[in-house]
Each structure stands twice: as structure tokens, then as C-alpha cells.
């Protein structure tokens, strides 16, 4: 398997070493319920855990996480304004 991230080597207690390669990265999006795009950014509303913002990186052809909100929020609707502000409607149980 091709490694996508940096690799770290840690000495173990025996004569061998353990090497860990980053193969994936966890974001906190469980159930994507809303998405809004503005220029090269995608604003994502997650039905369980809150909001995230990702950006399309043209040079690597990948999505890059640029912001995450970890506060409890169940956004039922999201929208962005031209100046980068995000408006979210929340369900309160």
C-alpha cells in the first residue's frame, strides 16, 4: 500500500523497529446533511456533529480541511455570506 503521509520510526524493546505510516485521516463528519460551495471552499453541515470547511487544492487535486467546529450542533440548514461568515439553523432536542 502506498503511504500518503509522513512516516515515523520508533525503536521498540527488541532488535527491530516499528514504522507507522499515515494512510488516512479522520474528520468528524458522520452524516453529511448539507453542503454549500463558495469559490474553492465547501461548507459541510453534519447531521450529528457540527460544521466543517474544506478547500479544493488544485495542485494536489485533493480536499484539504481548513476549519472544523466541534461544538454540539445539529445543523438542519447552512448558508454562507460573501465575507466568509456561515449561518446555520440548529435543531435543539
N, C-alpha and C. Protein backbone atom coordinates (compact mmCIF):
# COMPACT_ATOMS: atom_id res chain seq x y z
N UNK A 1 0.85 -1.17 0.00
CA UNK A 1 0.00 0.00 0.00
C UNK A 1 0.89 1.24 0.00
N UNK A 2 0.55 2.21 -0.82
CA UNK A 2 1.31 3.44 -0.91
C UNK A 2 0.96 4.34 0.26
N UNK A 3 1.98 4.85 0.94
CA UNK A 3 1.77 5.75 2.06
C UNK A 3 1.45 7.14 1.55
N UNK A 4 0.43 7.79 2.15
CA UNK A 4 0.07 9.14 1.72
C UNK A 4 0.64 10.21 2.64
N UNK A 5 1.15 9.81 3.79
CA UNK A 5 1.62 10.81 4.73
C UNK A 5 3.02 10.51 5.21
N UNK A 6 3.49 11.32 6.16
CA UNK A 6 4.84 11.11 6.68
C UNK A 6 4.92 9.83 7.48
N UNK A 7 6.10 9.26 7.52
CA UNK A 7 6.29 8.04 8.28
C UNK A 7 7.22 8.31 9.45
N UNK A 8 6.95 7.70 10.58
CA UNK A 8 7.76 7.84 11.79
C UNK A 8 8.28 6.48 12.20
N UNK A 9 9.54 6.40 12.60
CA UNK A 9 10.11 5.15 13.07
C UNK A 9 10.37 5.28 14.56
N UNK A 10 9.86 4.31 15.32
CA UNK A 10 10.02 4.30 16.76
C UNK A 10 10.78 3.04 17.17
N UNK A 11 11.80 3.17 17.99
CA UNK A 11 12.51 1.97 18.43
C UNK A 11 11.62 1.15 19.37
N UNK A 12 11.63 -0.14 19.21
CA UNK A 12 10.85 -0.99 20.09
C UNK A 12 11.79 -1.61 21.13
N UNK A 13 11.27 -2.43 21.98
CA UNK A 13 12.08 -3.02 23.05
C UNK A 13 12.98 -4.15 22.57
N UNK A 14 12.73 -4.66 21.37
CA UNK A 14 13.55 -5.75 20.84
C UNK A 14 14.60 -5.26 19.86
N UNK A 15 14.97 -6.11 18.93
CA UNK A 15 16.01 -5.78 17.96
C UNK A 15 15.45 -5.15 16.69
N UNK A 16 14.13 -5.03 16.61
CA UNK A 16 13.52 -4.47 15.40
C UNK A 16 12.89 -3.11 15.71
N UNK A 17 12.47 -2.42 14.71
CA UNK A 17 11.81 -1.13 14.87
C UNK A 17 10.42 -1.21 14.27
N UNK A 18 9.54 -0.40 14.76
CA UNK A 18 8.17 -0.32 14.28
C UNK A 18 8.03 0.96 13.47
N UNK A 19 7.51 0.86 12.27
CA UNK A 19 7.30 2.02 11.41
C UNK A 19 5.80 2.21 11.20
N UNK A 20 5.32 3.44 11.44
CA UNK A 20 3.91 3.77 11.25
C UNK A 20 3.78 4.73 10.08
N UNK A 21 2.90 4.41 9.16
CA UNK A 21 2.63 5.28 8.02
C UNK A 21 1.21 5.79 8.11
N UNK A 22 1.03 7.08 7.87
CA UNK A 22 -0.31 7.65 7.84
C UNK A 22 -0.97 7.24 6.53
N UNK A 23 -2.09 6.53 6.62
CA UNK A 23 -2.80 6.10 5.41
C UNK A 23 -4.13 6.81 5.25
N UNK A 24 -4.64 7.37 6.34
CA UNK A 24 -5.91 8.09 6.28
C UNK A 24 -5.98 9.06 7.44
N UNK A 25 -6.88 10.01 7.33
CA UNK A 25 -7.06 10.99 8.40
C UNK A 25 -8.55 11.07 8.71
N UNK A 26 -8.89 11.04 9.99
CA UNK A 26 -10.27 11.08 10.42
C UNK A 26 -10.74 12.51 10.52
N UNK A 27 -11.84 12.80 9.86
CA UNK A 27 -12.53 14.06 10.09
C UNK A 27 -13.78 13.71 10.88
N UNK A 28 -14.40 14.66 11.43
CA UNK A 28 -15.52 14.35 12.31
C UNK A 28 -16.87 14.34 11.60
N UNK A 29 -16.90 14.24 10.29
CA UNK A 29 -18.16 14.20 9.57
C UNK A 29 -18.72 12.78 9.55
N UNK A 30 -19.91 12.60 10.11
CA UNK A 30 -20.54 11.29 10.16
C UNK A 30 -21.62 11.16 9.09
N UNK A 31 -22.57 12.07 9.12
CA UNK A 31 -23.67 12.05 8.16
C UNK A 31 -23.77 13.45 7.55
N UNK A 32 -23.25 13.62 6.35
CA UNK A 32 -23.29 14.92 5.69
C UNK A 32 -24.73 15.18 5.26
N UNK A 33 -25.31 16.25 5.81
CA UNK A 33 -26.70 16.58 5.53
C UNK A 33 -26.84 17.82 4.66
N UNK A 34 -25.85 18.73 4.70
CA UNK A 34 -25.91 19.97 3.94
C UNK A 34 -24.52 20.29 3.40
N UNK A 35 -24.49 20.85 2.19
CA UNK A 35 -23.24 21.35 1.63
C UNK A 35 -23.52 22.62 0.86
N UNK A 36 -22.62 23.59 1.04
CA UNK A 36 -22.71 24.86 0.32
C UNK A 36 -21.31 25.15 -0.22
N UNK A 37 -21.22 25.61 -1.46
CA UNK A 37 -19.91 25.94 -2.03
C UNK A 37 -19.79 27.44 -2.25
N UNK A 38 -18.60 27.96 -2.02
CA UNK A 38 -18.23 29.34 -2.31
C UNK A 38 -16.80 29.32 -2.81
N UNK A 39 -16.57 29.75 -4.03
CA UNK A 39 -15.26 29.73 -4.67
C UNK A 39 -14.64 28.33 -4.55
N UNK A 40 -13.50 28.20 -3.87
CA UNK A 40 -12.84 26.90 -3.77
C UNK A 40 -13.11 26.21 -2.44
N UNK A 41 -14.11 26.68 -1.68
CA UNK A 41 -14.41 26.09 -0.37
C UNK A 41 -15.76 25.37 -0.39
N UNK A 42 -15.84 24.30 0.39
CA UNK A 42 -17.09 23.57 0.59
C UNK A 42 -17.41 23.61 2.07
N UNK A 43 -18.58 24.12 2.42
CA UNK A 43 -19.05 24.19 3.80
C UNK A 43 -19.96 23.00 4.01
N UNK A 44 -19.66 22.17 5.02
CA UNK A 44 -20.35 20.90 5.22
C UNK A 44 -21.08 20.92 6.56
N UNK A 45 -22.37 20.65 6.53
CA UNK A 45 -23.17 20.52 7.74
C UNK A 45 -23.39 19.05 8.02
N UNK A 46 -22.93 18.60 9.17
CA UNK A 46 -23.03 17.20 9.57
C UNK A 46 -24.24 17.02 10.47
N UNK A 47 -25.07 16.03 10.20
CA UNK A 47 -26.32 15.83 10.95
C UNK A 47 -26.09 15.42 12.39
N UNK A 48 -24.89 15.02 12.74
CA UNK A 48 -24.63 14.57 14.11
C UNK A 48 -23.67 15.48 14.86
N UNK A 49 -22.67 16.01 14.16
CA UNK A 49 -21.60 16.62 14.95
C UNK A 49 -21.26 18.08 14.69
N UNK A 50 -21.71 18.75 13.68
CA UNK A 50 -21.45 20.17 13.52
C UNK A 50 -21.08 20.56 12.10
N UNK A 51 -20.14 21.52 11.96
CA UNK A 51 -19.78 22.08 10.66
C UNK A 51 -18.29 21.89 10.36
N UNK A 52 -17.97 21.77 9.08
CA UNK A 52 -16.58 21.70 8.61
C UNK A 52 -16.47 22.54 7.35
N UNK A 53 -15.24 23.00 7.08
CA UNK A 53 -14.95 23.70 5.84
C UNK A 53 -13.75 23.02 5.21
N UNK A 54 -13.88 22.66 3.95
CA UNK A 54 -12.77 22.07 3.20
C UNK A 54 -12.51 22.93 1.97
N UNK A 55 -11.29 22.86 1.46
CA UNK A 55 -10.89 23.64 0.31
C UNK A 55 -10.31 22.70 -0.74
N UNK A 56 -10.61 22.97 -1.99
CA UNK A 56 -10.05 22.18 -3.08
C UNK A 56 -8.66 22.72 -3.39
N UNK A 57 -7.64 21.85 -3.29
CA UNK A 57 -6.27 22.22 -3.61
C UNK A 57 -5.98 21.76 -5.03
N UNK A 58 -5.89 22.72 -5.93
CA UNK A 58 -5.70 22.41 -7.35
C UNK A 58 -4.38 21.70 -7.62
N UNK A 59 -3.33 22.05 -6.88
CA UNK A 59 -2.01 21.47 -7.14
C UNK A 59 -1.94 19.99 -6.76
N UNK A 60 -2.63 19.59 -5.67
CA UNK A 60 -2.60 18.19 -5.25
C UNK A 60 -3.84 17.42 -5.68
N UNK A 61 -4.85 18.14 -6.18
CA UNK A 61 -6.12 17.53 -6.58
C UNK A 61 -6.78 16.80 -5.41
N UNK A 62 -6.75 17.45 -4.21
CA UNK A 62 -7.34 16.86 -3.00
C UNK A 62 -8.12 17.92 -2.24
N UNK A 63 -9.07 17.43 -1.41
CA UNK A 63 -9.76 18.30 -0.47
C UNK A 63 -8.91 18.42 0.79
N UNK A 64 -8.80 19.65 1.31
CA UNK A 64 -7.99 19.92 2.49
C UNK A 64 -8.90 20.51 3.56
N UNK A 65 -8.88 19.95 4.76
CA UNK A 65 -9.64 20.51 5.88
C UNK A 65 -9.02 21.83 6.29
N UNK A 66 -9.84 22.88 6.35
CA UNK A 66 -9.31 24.16 6.79
C UNK A 66 -9.99 24.67 8.06
N UNK A 67 -11.16 24.13 8.40
CA UNK A 67 -11.84 24.54 9.63
C UNK A 67 -12.81 23.46 10.07
N UNK A 68 -12.91 23.31 11.40
CA UNK A 68 -13.87 22.37 12.00
C UNK A 68 -14.46 23.01 13.24
N UNK A 69 -15.73 22.83 13.42
CA UNK A 69 -16.40 23.31 14.62
C UNK A 69 -16.79 22.10 15.44
N UNK A 70 -16.25 21.98 16.64
CA UNK A 70 -16.52 20.81 17.48
C UNK A 70 -17.62 21.05 18.51
N UNK A 71 -18.25 22.22 18.48
CA UNK A 71 -19.33 22.45 19.43
C UNK A 71 -20.55 21.63 19.01
N UNK A 72 -21.36 21.19 19.98
CA UNK A 72 -22.55 20.40 19.63
C UNK A 72 -23.52 21.24 18.80
N UNK A 73 -23.80 20.78 17.62
CA UNK A 73 -24.71 21.48 16.72
C UNK A 73 -25.29 20.46 15.76
N UNK A 74 -26.58 20.52 15.55
CA UNK A 74 -27.23 19.66 14.58
C UNK A 74 -27.78 20.56 13.48
N UNK A 75 -26.96 20.93 12.52
CA UNK A 75 -27.41 21.90 11.53
C UNK A 75 -28.40 21.30 10.54
N UNK A 76 -29.58 21.92 10.47
CA UNK A 76 -30.58 21.47 9.50
C UNK A 76 -30.52 22.30 8.22
N UNK A 77 -29.83 23.45 8.30
CA UNK A 77 -29.64 24.30 7.12
C UNK A 77 -28.39 25.14 7.34
N UNK A 78 -27.61 25.31 6.26
CA UNK A 78 -26.44 26.19 6.34
C UNK A 78 -26.40 27.07 5.09
N UNK A 79 -25.79 28.22 5.24
CA UNK A 79 -25.57 29.12 4.12
C UNK A 79 -24.35 29.96 4.46
N UNK A 80 -23.68 30.48 3.43
CA UNK A 80 -22.52 31.33 3.63
C UNK A 80 -22.79 32.70 3.02
N UNK A 81 -22.09 33.68 3.55
CA UNK A 81 -22.15 35.03 3.01
C UNK A 81 -20.85 35.30 2.27
N UNK A 82 -20.83 36.33 1.47
CA UNK A 82 -19.65 36.65 0.67
C UNK A 82 -18.40 36.90 1.50
N UNK A 83 -18.54 37.35 2.73
CA UNK A 83 -17.38 37.67 3.54
C UNK A 83 -16.88 36.48 4.37
N UNK A 84 -17.36 35.27 4.08
CA UNK A 84 -16.86 34.07 4.75
C UNK A 84 -17.64 33.66 5.99
N UNK A 85 -18.66 34.40 6.37
CA UNK A 85 -19.48 34.02 7.52
C UNK A 85 -20.39 32.85 7.15
N UNK A 86 -20.66 31.99 8.13
CA UNK A 86 -21.55 30.85 7.93
C UNK A 86 -22.76 31.02 8.84
N UNK A 87 -23.94 30.82 8.29
CA UNK A 87 -25.18 30.84 9.05
C UNK A 87 -25.69 29.40 9.10
N UNK A 88 -26.04 28.93 10.31
CA UNK A 88 -26.54 27.56 10.46
C UNK A 88 -27.79 27.56 11.31
N UNK A 89 -28.80 26.81 10.85
CA UNK A 89 -30.01 26.57 11.64
C UNK A 89 -29.83 25.28 12.41
N UNK A 90 -30.11 25.31 13.71
CA UNK A 90 -29.84 24.19 14.60
C UNK A 90 -31.13 23.56 15.10
N UNK A 91 -31.13 22.24 15.24
CA UNK A 91 -32.23 21.53 15.88
C UNK A 91 -31.85 21.34 17.34
N UNK A 92 -32.70 21.73 18.24
CA UNK A 92 -32.44 21.59 19.67
C UNK A 92 -33.39 20.56 20.23
N UNK A 93 -32.84 19.47 20.75
CA UNK A 93 -33.68 18.41 21.32
C UNK A 93 -33.70 18.49 22.81
